[in-house]
Amino acid sequence: MMRSIFICAAVLLAITSATLASANTDKLDNIAACAGVVLGNGAVDFYLGDEASFDAAAEVAYSAYLSEVLSGSFSQNDLQIADQILGGNLDKVINAYNSDTFDNEVYEEVVGCYRQLATQLLEKVDIINNRSDEWRELMNTSVQTIKRMLRAG
């Protein structure tokens, strides 16, 4: 009897852990997706000569994204996938601008993502404050890399 209770408890723990891990990576992926959309919108501003707007968009996007990254214990694979999601959505918005398909639907996605990232910033303000040196260095490196890529394009 006791053995079956332990087995049931172990199975329940494994299912719960897998569900929580999936929920955590889902949130990371969603934040990464929105960060990419906001960065893409900022990149359009950058192309139009408004580097200050790009910098503001990048600060919002990376602050929200890195607050999630730094608050979890994600595998390297999870982080690589999230980075790919971020980059893919950045490209999506730039491509919409370049192909004259930046329409109301894309605009609404940008606005919705700013809202989602603002909520993330409010939820994770302690992480941002407590680990500000770490996230600021990561953000600055990432922003400079994106600017270099945008200037080359």
N, C-alpha and C. Protein backbone atom coordinates (compact mmCIF):
# COMPACT_ATOMS: atom_id res chain seq x y z
N MET A 1 0.82 -1.20 0.00
CA MET A 1 0.00 0.00 0.00
C MET A 1 0.86 1.25 0.00
N MET A 2 1.86 1.30 0.88
CA MET A 2 2.73 2.47 0.98
C MET A 2 3.50 2.67 -0.32
N ARG A 3 3.92 1.56 -0.93
CA ARG A 3 4.67 1.63 -2.19
C ARG A 3 3.82 2.24 -3.29
N SER A 4 2.56 1.88 -3.37
CA SER A 4 1.68 2.42 -4.41
C SER A 4 1.42 3.92 -4.18
N ILE A 5 1.40 4.34 -2.92
CA ILE A 5 1.24 5.77 -2.63
C ILE A 5 2.47 6.53 -3.12
N PHE A 6 3.67 5.97 -2.88
CA PHE A 6 4.89 6.62 -3.35
C PHE A 6 4.94 6.68 -4.87
N ILE A 7 4.52 5.62 -5.52
CA ILE A 7 4.51 5.59 -6.98
C ILE A 7 3.53 6.63 -7.52
N CYS A 8 2.34 6.68 -6.93
CA CYS A 8 1.36 7.69 -7.35
C CYS A 8 1.88 9.10 -7.13
N ALA A 9 2.52 9.32 -6.00
CA ALA A 9 3.07 10.64 -5.69
C ALA A 9 4.17 11.00 -6.68
N ALA A 10 5.02 10.04 -7.02
CA ALA A 10 6.10 10.29 -7.98
C ALA A 10 5.55 10.62 -9.36
N VAL A 11 4.54 9.88 -9.79
CA VAL A 11 3.91 10.15 -11.09
C VAL A 11 3.25 11.53 -11.08
N LEU A 12 2.55 11.86 -10.02
CA LEU A 12 1.90 13.16 -9.91
C LEU A 12 2.93 14.29 -9.92
N LEU A 13 4.04 14.11 -9.22
CA LEU A 13 5.11 15.10 -9.21
C LEU A 13 5.70 15.28 -10.60
N ALA A 14 5.92 14.20 -11.31
CA ALA A 14 6.48 14.29 -12.66
C ALA A 14 5.53 15.02 -13.60
N ILE A 15 4.26 14.72 -13.51
CA ILE A 15 3.27 15.39 -14.37
C ILE A 15 3.19 16.87 -14.03
N THR A 16 3.16 17.19 -12.75
CA THR A 16 3.10 18.59 -12.32
C THR A 16 4.34 19.35 -12.77
N SER A 17 5.52 18.75 -12.61
CA SER A 17 6.77 19.40 -13.02
C SER A 17 6.78 19.66 -14.52
N ALA A 18 6.34 18.67 -15.30
CA ALA A 18 6.31 18.84 -16.76
C ALA A 18 5.32 19.93 -17.16
N THR A 19 4.19 20.00 -16.49
CA THR A 19 3.19 21.02 -16.79
C THR A 19 3.71 22.40 -16.44
N LEU A 20 4.35 22.55 -15.28
CA LEU A 20 4.90 23.84 -14.87
C LEU A 20 6.03 24.27 -15.80
N ALA A 21 6.88 23.33 -16.20
CA ALA A 21 7.98 23.66 -17.12
C ALA A 21 7.42 24.14 -18.45
N SER A 22 6.36 23.48 -18.92
CA SER A 22 5.73 23.89 -20.17
C SER A 22 5.11 25.28 -20.04
N ALA A 23 4.47 25.54 -18.92
CA ALA A 23 3.86 26.86 -18.69
C ALA A 23 4.92 27.94 -18.65
N ASN A 24 6.06 27.65 -18.00
CA ASN A 24 7.15 28.62 -17.93
C ASN A 24 7.73 28.90 -19.30
N THR A 25 7.96 27.86 -20.11
CA THR A 25 8.51 28.09 -21.44
C THR A 25 7.48 28.75 -22.34
N ASP A 26 6.20 28.47 -22.15
CA ASP A 26 5.17 29.16 -22.93
C ASP A 26 5.22 30.66 -22.64
N LYS A 27 5.36 31.04 -21.38
CA LYS A 27 5.43 32.46 -21.04
C LYS A 27 6.68 33.08 -21.63
N LEU A 28 7.82 32.41 -21.51
CA LEU A 28 9.06 32.89 -22.10
C LEU A 28 8.91 33.10 -23.60
N ASP A 29 8.33 32.12 -24.28
CA ASP A 29 8.14 32.21 -25.72
C ASP A 29 7.22 33.36 -26.10
N ASN A 30 6.16 33.57 -25.33
CA ASN A 30 5.23 34.66 -25.61
C ASN A 30 5.87 36.03 -25.39
N ILE A 31 6.66 36.14 -24.33
CA ILE A 31 7.38 37.40 -24.09
C ILE A 31 8.40 37.63 -25.20
N ALA A 32 9.10 36.58 -25.61
CA ALA A 32 10.07 36.69 -26.70
C ALA A 32 9.39 37.12 -27.99
N ALA A 33 8.23 36.55 -28.26
CA ALA A 33 7.49 36.91 -29.49
C ALA A 33 7.13 38.39 -29.48
N CYS A 34 6.62 38.87 -28.37
CA CYS A 34 6.25 40.28 -28.29
C CYS A 34 7.48 41.19 -28.29
N ALA A 35 8.54 40.77 -27.65
CA ALA A 35 9.76 41.56 -27.69
C ALA A 35 10.25 41.71 -29.13
N GLY A 36 10.14 40.65 -29.90
CA GLY A 36 10.52 40.71 -31.31
C GLY A 36 9.66 41.66 -32.12
N VAL A 37 8.36 41.65 -31.86
CA VAL A 37 7.44 42.56 -32.55
C VAL A 37 7.78 44.01 -32.22
N VAL A 38 8.00 44.30 -30.95
CA VAL A 38 8.33 45.66 -30.53
C VAL A 38 9.68 46.09 -31.10
N LEU A 39 10.66 45.19 -31.07
CA LEU A 39 11.96 45.51 -31.66
C LEU A 39 11.84 45.73 -33.17
N GLY A 40 11.02 44.94 -33.83
CA GLY A 40 10.80 45.12 -35.26
C GLY A 40 10.20 46.47 -35.56
N ASN A 41 9.23 46.87 -34.76
CA ASN A 41 8.63 48.20 -34.92
C ASN A 41 9.67 49.29 -34.67
N GLY A 42 10.51 49.09 -33.66
CA GLY A 42 11.59 50.03 -33.41
C GLY A 42 12.60 50.07 -34.55
N ALA A 43 12.84 48.92 -35.17
CA ALA A 43 13.77 48.87 -36.30
C ALA A 43 13.23 49.68 -37.48
N VAL A 44 11.93 49.66 -37.68
CA VAL A 44 11.32 50.48 -38.72
C VAL A 44 11.59 51.95 -38.42
N ASP A 45 11.42 52.35 -37.17
CA ASP A 45 11.75 53.72 -36.77
C ASP A 45 13.23 54.03 -37.06
N PHE A 46 14.09 53.07 -36.76
CA PHE A 46 15.53 53.24 -36.99
C PHE A 46 15.79 53.48 -38.48
N TYR A 47 15.16 52.68 -39.34
CA TYR A 47 15.30 52.85 -40.79
C TYR A 47 14.82 54.22 -41.25
N LEU A 48 13.82 54.75 -40.54
CA LEU A 48 13.26 56.06 -40.89
C LEU A 48 14.07 57.20 -40.26
N GLY A 49 15.20 56.87 -39.62
CA GLY A 49 16.08 57.89 -39.07
C GLY A 49 15.82 58.26 -37.62
N ASP A 50 14.96 57.52 -36.94
CA ASP A 50 14.62 57.84 -35.55
C ASP A 50 15.26 56.82 -34.61
N GLU A 51 16.55 57.00 -34.37
CA GLU A 51 17.29 56.06 -33.53
C GLU A 51 16.81 56.11 -32.08
N ALA A 52 16.38 57.28 -31.61
CA ALA A 52 15.90 57.40 -30.23
C ALA A 52 14.66 56.53 -30.01
N SER A 53 13.76 56.47 -30.99
CA SER A 53 12.57 55.61 -30.85
C SER A 53 12.96 54.14 -30.84
N PHE A 54 13.96 53.79 -31.65
CA PHE A 54 14.45 52.42 -31.62
C PHE A 54 15.01 52.10 -30.24
N ASP A 55 15.82 53.01 -29.69
CA ASP A 55 16.41 52.77 -28.37
C ASP A 55 15.34 52.58 -27.30
N ALA A 56 14.28 53.38 -27.36
CA ALA A 56 13.19 53.26 -26.38
C ALA A 56 12.47 51.92 -26.54
N ALA A 57 12.19 51.54 -27.79
CA ALA A 57 11.53 50.25 -28.04
C ALA A 57 12.42 49.10 -27.57
N ALA A 58 13.71 49.20 -27.84
CA ALA A 58 14.64 48.15 -27.43
C ALA A 58 14.71 48.03 -25.91
N GLU A 59 14.67 49.16 -25.22
CA GLU A 59 14.73 49.10 -23.76
C GLU A 59 13.49 48.42 -23.19
N VAL A 60 12.33 48.74 -23.72
CA VAL A 60 11.09 48.09 -23.27
C VAL A 60 11.15 46.59 -23.58
N ALA A 61 11.49 46.27 -24.81
CA ALA A 61 11.48 44.87 -25.25
C ALA A 61 12.48 44.02 -24.46
N TYR A 62 13.72 44.49 -24.39
CA TYR A 62 14.73 43.70 -23.71
C TYR A 62 14.56 43.68 -22.21
N SER A 63 14.09 44.75 -21.62
CA SER A 63 13.85 44.74 -20.18
C SER A 63 12.81 43.68 -19.82
N ALA A 64 11.73 43.64 -20.59
CA ALA A 64 10.68 42.65 -20.34
C ALA A 64 11.19 41.24 -20.60
N TYR A 65 11.85 41.05 -21.72
CA TYR A 65 12.36 39.72 -22.10
C TYR A 65 13.38 39.22 -21.09
N LEU A 66 14.36 40.06 -20.78
CA LEU A 66 15.41 39.62 -19.86
C LEU A 66 14.90 39.45 -18.43
N SER A 67 13.85 40.18 -18.06
CA SER A 67 13.28 39.97 -16.72
C SER A 67 12.71 38.56 -16.61
N GLU A 68 12.18 38.05 -17.70
CA GLU A 68 11.67 36.66 -17.70
C GLU A 68 12.83 35.67 -17.74
N VAL A 69 13.81 35.93 -18.58
CA VAL A 69 14.97 35.04 -18.69
C VAL A 69 15.68 34.91 -17.35
N LEU A 70 15.90 36.05 -16.69
CA LEU A 70 16.66 36.06 -15.44
C LEU A 70 15.86 35.55 -14.24
N SER A 71 14.54 35.48 -14.37
CA SER A 71 13.74 35.02 -13.24
C SER A 71 13.46 33.53 -13.28
N GLY A 72 13.84 32.87 -14.35
CA GLY A 72 13.58 31.44 -14.47
C GLY A 72 14.86 30.64 -14.54
N SER A 73 14.69 29.35 -14.54
CA SER A 73 15.85 28.46 -14.72
C SER A 73 15.60 27.67 -16.00
N PHE A 74 15.82 28.35 -17.12
CA PHE A 74 15.56 27.77 -18.43
C PHE A 74 16.79 27.06 -18.95
N SER A 75 16.56 26.02 -19.71
CA SER A 75 17.68 25.31 -20.34
C SER A 75 18.24 26.18 -21.46
N GLN A 76 19.45 25.88 -21.84
CA GLN A 76 20.08 26.60 -22.95
C GLN A 76 19.25 26.44 -24.22
N ASN A 77 18.69 25.26 -24.42
CA ASN A 77 17.85 25.00 -25.59
C ASN A 77 16.60 25.89 -25.56
N ASP A 78 15.96 26.02 -24.40
CA ASP A 78 14.78 26.88 -24.28
C ASP A 78 15.13 28.32 -24.61
N LEU A 79 16.28 28.79 -24.14
CA LEU A 79 16.70 30.16 -24.41
C LEU A 79 17.03 30.37 -25.88
N GLN A 80 17.63 29.38 -26.51
CA GLN A 80 17.93 29.49 -27.94
C GLN A 80 16.64 29.56 -28.76
N ILE A 81 15.66 28.76 -28.39
CA ILE A 81 14.38 28.79 -29.10
C ILE A 81 13.70 30.14 -28.90
N ALA A 82 13.72 30.65 -27.67
CA ALA A 82 13.11 31.95 -27.40
C ALA A 82 13.81 33.05 -28.21
N ASP A 83 15.14 33.00 -28.28
CA ASP A 83 15.87 33.97 -29.09
C ASP A 83 15.48 33.88 -30.57
N GLN A 84 15.27 32.68 -31.06
CA GLN A 84 14.84 32.50 -32.44
C GLN A 84 13.44 33.07 -32.67
N ILE A 85 12.57 32.89 -31.70
CA ILE A 85 11.21 33.45 -31.79
C ILE A 85 11.31 34.97 -31.83
N LEU A 86 12.11 35.54 -30.94
CA LEU A 86 12.30 36.99 -30.91
C LEU A 86 12.81 37.48 -32.26
N GLY A 87 13.85 36.86 -32.78
CA GLY A 87 14.43 37.27 -34.06
C GLY A 87 13.46 37.10 -35.22
N GLY A 88 12.69 36.03 -35.20
CA GLY A 88 11.72 35.79 -36.26
C GLY A 88 10.64 36.86 -36.31
N ASN A 89 10.18 37.28 -35.13
CA ASN A 89 9.14 38.33 -35.10
C ASN A 89 9.72 39.70 -35.43
N LEU A 90 10.95 39.94 -35.06
CA LEU A 90 11.62 41.18 -35.47
C LEU A 90 11.65 41.25 -36.99
N ASP A 91 12.09 40.15 -37.62
CA ASP A 91 12.13 40.08 -39.09
C ASP A 91 10.75 40.22 -39.71
N LYS A 92 9.75 39.62 -39.07
CA LYS A 92 8.38 39.67 -39.60
C LYS A 92 7.89 41.11 -39.73
N VAL A 93 8.14 41.92 -38.71
CA VAL A 93 7.67 43.31 -38.74
C VAL A 93 8.47 44.12 -39.76
N ILE A 94 9.78 43.90 -39.81
CA ILE A 94 10.60 44.60 -40.81
C ILE A 94 10.15 44.23 -42.22
N ASN A 95 9.90 42.95 -42.44
CA ASN A 95 9.44 42.50 -43.76
C ASN A 95 8.08 43.09 -44.11
N ALA A 96 7.21 43.23 -43.13
CA ALA A 96 5.90 43.85 -43.38
C ALA A 96 6.09 45.29 -43.83
N TYR A 97 6.99 45.99 -43.19
CA TYR A 97 7.28 47.38 -43.57
C TYR A 97 7.87 47.43 -44.99
N ASN A 98 8.87 46.58 -45.24
CA ASN A 98 9.55 46.58 -46.53
C ASN A 98 8.67 46.16 -47.69
N SER A 99 7.65 45.37 -47.42
CA SER A 99 6.77 44.88 -48.49
C SER A 99 5.44 45.62 -48.53
N ASP A 100 5.37 46.74 -47.82
CA ASP A 100 4.14 47.55 -47.76
C ASP A 100 2.92 46.77 -47.29
N THR A 101 3.15 45.82 -46.38
CA THR A 101 2.03 45.07 -45.79
C THR A 101 1.89 45.37 -44.31
N PHE A 102 2.51 46.46 -43.87
CA PHE A 102 2.37 46.89 -42.48
C PHE A 102 1.00 47.56 -42.38
N ASP A 103 0.01 46.76 -42.03
CA ASP A 103 -1.38 47.22 -42.03
C ASP A 103 -1.91 47.35 -40.61
N ASN A 104 -3.22 47.54 -40.49
CA ASN A 104 -3.84 47.67 -39.17
C ASN A 104 -3.63 46.44 -38.30
N GLU A 105 -3.62 45.27 -38.91
CA GLU A 105 -3.42 44.03 -38.16
C GLU A 105 -2.03 44.01 -37.51
N VAL A 106 -1.02 44.39 -38.27
CA VAL A 106 0.34 44.44 -37.72
C VAL A 106 0.41 45.52 -36.64
N TYR A 107 -0.20 46.66 -36.91
CA TYR A 107 -0.21 47.75 -35.93
C TYR A 107 -0.86 47.30 -34.62
N GLU A 108 -1.99 46.62 -34.71
CA GLU A 108 -2.67 46.12 -33.51
C GLU A 108 -1.82 45.11 -32.76
N GLU A 109 -1.05 44.30 -33.50
CA GLU A 109 -0.14 43.36 -32.85
C GLU A 109 0.95 44.11 -32.08
N VAL A 110 1.48 45.17 -32.69
CA VAL A 110 2.50 45.98 -32.01
C VAL A 110 1.94 46.57 -30.73
N VAL A 111 0.76 47.17 -30.81
CA VAL A 111 0.14 47.78 -29.63
C VAL A 111 -0.12 46.72 -28.55
N GLY A 112 -0.65 45.58 -28.95
CA GLY A 112 -0.91 44.50 -27.99
C GLY A 112 0.37 44.02 -27.32
N CYS A 113 1.44 43.97 -28.09
CA CYS A 113 2.71 43.53 -27.52
C CYS A 113 3.27 44.56 -26.54
N TYR A 114 3.13 45.84 -26.86
CA TYR A 114 3.56 46.85 -25.88
C TYR A 114 2.79 46.67 -24.57
N ARG A 115 1.51 46.37 -24.66
CA ARG A 115 0.71 46.15 -23.44
C ARG A 115 1.21 44.94 -22.66
N GLN A 116 1.46 43.85 -23.39
CA GLN A 116 1.93 42.63 -22.72
C GLN A 116 3.29 42.85 -22.08
N LEU A 117 4.18 43.55 -22.76
CA LEU A 117 5.50 43.80 -22.20
C LEU A 117 5.42 44.75 -21.00
N ALA A 118 4.51 45.72 -21.05
CA ALA A 118 4.33 46.63 -19.91
C ALA A 118 3.86 45.84 -18.68
N THR A 119 2.96 44.91 -18.88
CA THR A 119 2.49 44.06 -17.78
C THR A 119 3.65 43.25 -17.22
N GLN A 120 4.47 42.70 -18.10
CA GLN A 120 5.65 41.93 -17.68
C GLN A 120 6.59 42.80 -16.86
N LEU A 121 6.81 44.02 -17.30
CA LEU A 121 7.70 44.93 -16.57
C LEU A 121 7.17 45.21 -15.17
N LEU A 122 5.87 45.41 -15.05
CA LEU A 122 5.28 45.67 -13.74
C LEU A 122 5.39 44.44 -12.83
N GLU A 123 5.19 43.25 -13.40
CA GLU A 123 5.27 42.02 -12.62
C GLU A 123 6.69 41.72 -12.16
N LYS A 124 7.66 42.09 -12.96
CA LYS A 124 9.05 41.69 -12.69
C LYS A 124 9.94 42.86 -12.27
N VAL A 125 9.35 43.93 -11.78
CA VAL A 125 10.13 45.11 -11.41
C VAL A 125 11.22 44.77 -10.39
N ASP A 126 10.96 43.84 -9.48
CA ASP A 126 11.97 43.47 -8.48
C ASP A 126 13.17 42.79 -9.14
N ILE A 127 12.92 41.91 -10.10
CA ILE A 127 14.00 41.23 -10.83
C ILE A 127 14.84 42.29 -11.56
N ILE A 128 14.16 43.21 -12.21
CA ILE A 128 14.85 44.26 -12.97
C ILE A 128 15.72 45.10 -12.03
N ASN A 129 15.18 45.49 -10.88
CA ASN A 129 15.94 46.30 -9.92
C ASN A 129 17.10 45.51 -9.30
N ASN A 130 16.83 44.28 -8.91
CA ASN A 130 17.84 43.48 -8.21
C ASN A 130 18.97 43.00 -9.11
N ARG A 131 18.70 42.85 -10.39
CA ARG A 131 19.71 42.32 -11.31
C ARG A 131 19.99 43.31 -12.44
N SER A 132 19.88 44.59 -12.12
CA SER A 132 19.97 45.63 -13.15
C SER A 132 21.31 45.63 -13.88
N ASP A 133 22.40 45.40 -13.19
CA ASP A 133 23.71 45.40 -13.87
C ASP A 133 23.77 44.28 -14.90
N GLU A 134 23.27 43.12 -14.52
CA GLU A 134 23.30 41.95 -15.40
C GLU A 134 22.43 42.16 -16.64
N TRP A 135 21.17 42.59 -16.45
CA TRP A 135 20.29 42.73 -17.61
C TRP A 135 20.71 43.91 -18.47
N ARG A 136 21.22 44.97 -17.85
CA ARG A 136 21.63 46.14 -18.64
C ARG A 136 22.78 45.77 -19.58
N GLU A 137 23.74 45.00 -19.09
CA GLU A 137 24.86 44.57 -19.93
C GLU A 137 24.36 43.69 -21.08
N LEU A 138 23.49 42.74 -20.76
CA LEU A 138 22.92 41.89 -21.82
C LEU A 138 22.13 42.70 -22.83
N MET A 139 21.34 43.65 -22.35
CA MET A 139 20.52 44.48 -23.23
C MET A 139 21.42 45.33 -24.13
N ASN A 140 22.40 45.98 -23.55
CA ASN A 140 23.27 46.85 -24.35
C ASN A 140 23.99 46.07 -25.45
N THR A 141 24.48 44.89 -25.11
CA THR A 141 25.16 44.05 -26.10
C THR A 141 24.20 43.67 -27.22
N SER A 142 22.99 43.27 -26.86
CA SER A 142 22.00 42.87 -27.87
C SER A 142 21.59 44.05 -28.74
N VAL A 143 21.36 45.20 -28.15
CA VAL A 143 20.93 46.38 -28.90
C VAL A 143 22.03 46.81 -29.88
N GLN A 144 23.27 46.80 -29.41
CA GLN A 144 24.36 47.19 -30.30
C GLN A 144 24.51 46.20 -31.47
N THR A 145 24.29 44.92 -31.21
CA THR A 145 24.34 43.92 -32.27
C THR A 145 23.24 44.16 -33.30
N ILE A 146 22.03 44.44 -32.83
CA ILE A 146 20.91 44.69 -33.75
C ILE A 146 21.17 45.97 -34.55
N LYS A 147 21.65 47.01 -33.91
CA LYS A 147 21.96 48.25 -34.64
C LYS A 147 23.00 48.00 -35.72
N ARG A 148 23.99 47.22 -35.40
CA ARG A 148 25.02 46.90 -36.40
C ARG A 148 24.40 46.19 -37.59
N MET A 149 23.51 45.24 -37.31
CA MET A 149 22.84 44.50 -38.38
C MET A 149 21.94 45.43 -39.21
N LEU A 150 21.24 46.34 -38.54
CA LEU A 150 20.35 47.25 -39.25
C LEU A 150 21.14 48.23 -40.13
N ARG A 151 22.27 48.66 -39.63
CA ARG A 151 23.11 49.58 -40.42
C ARG A 151 23.70 48.88 -41.65
N ALA A 152 23.98 47.59 -41.50
CA ALA A 152 24.57 46.83 -42.61
C ALA A 152 23.54 46.54 -43.69
N GLY A 153 22.26 46.54 -43.32
CA GLY A 153 21.20 46.17 -44.26
C GLY A 153 20.78 47.30 -45.06
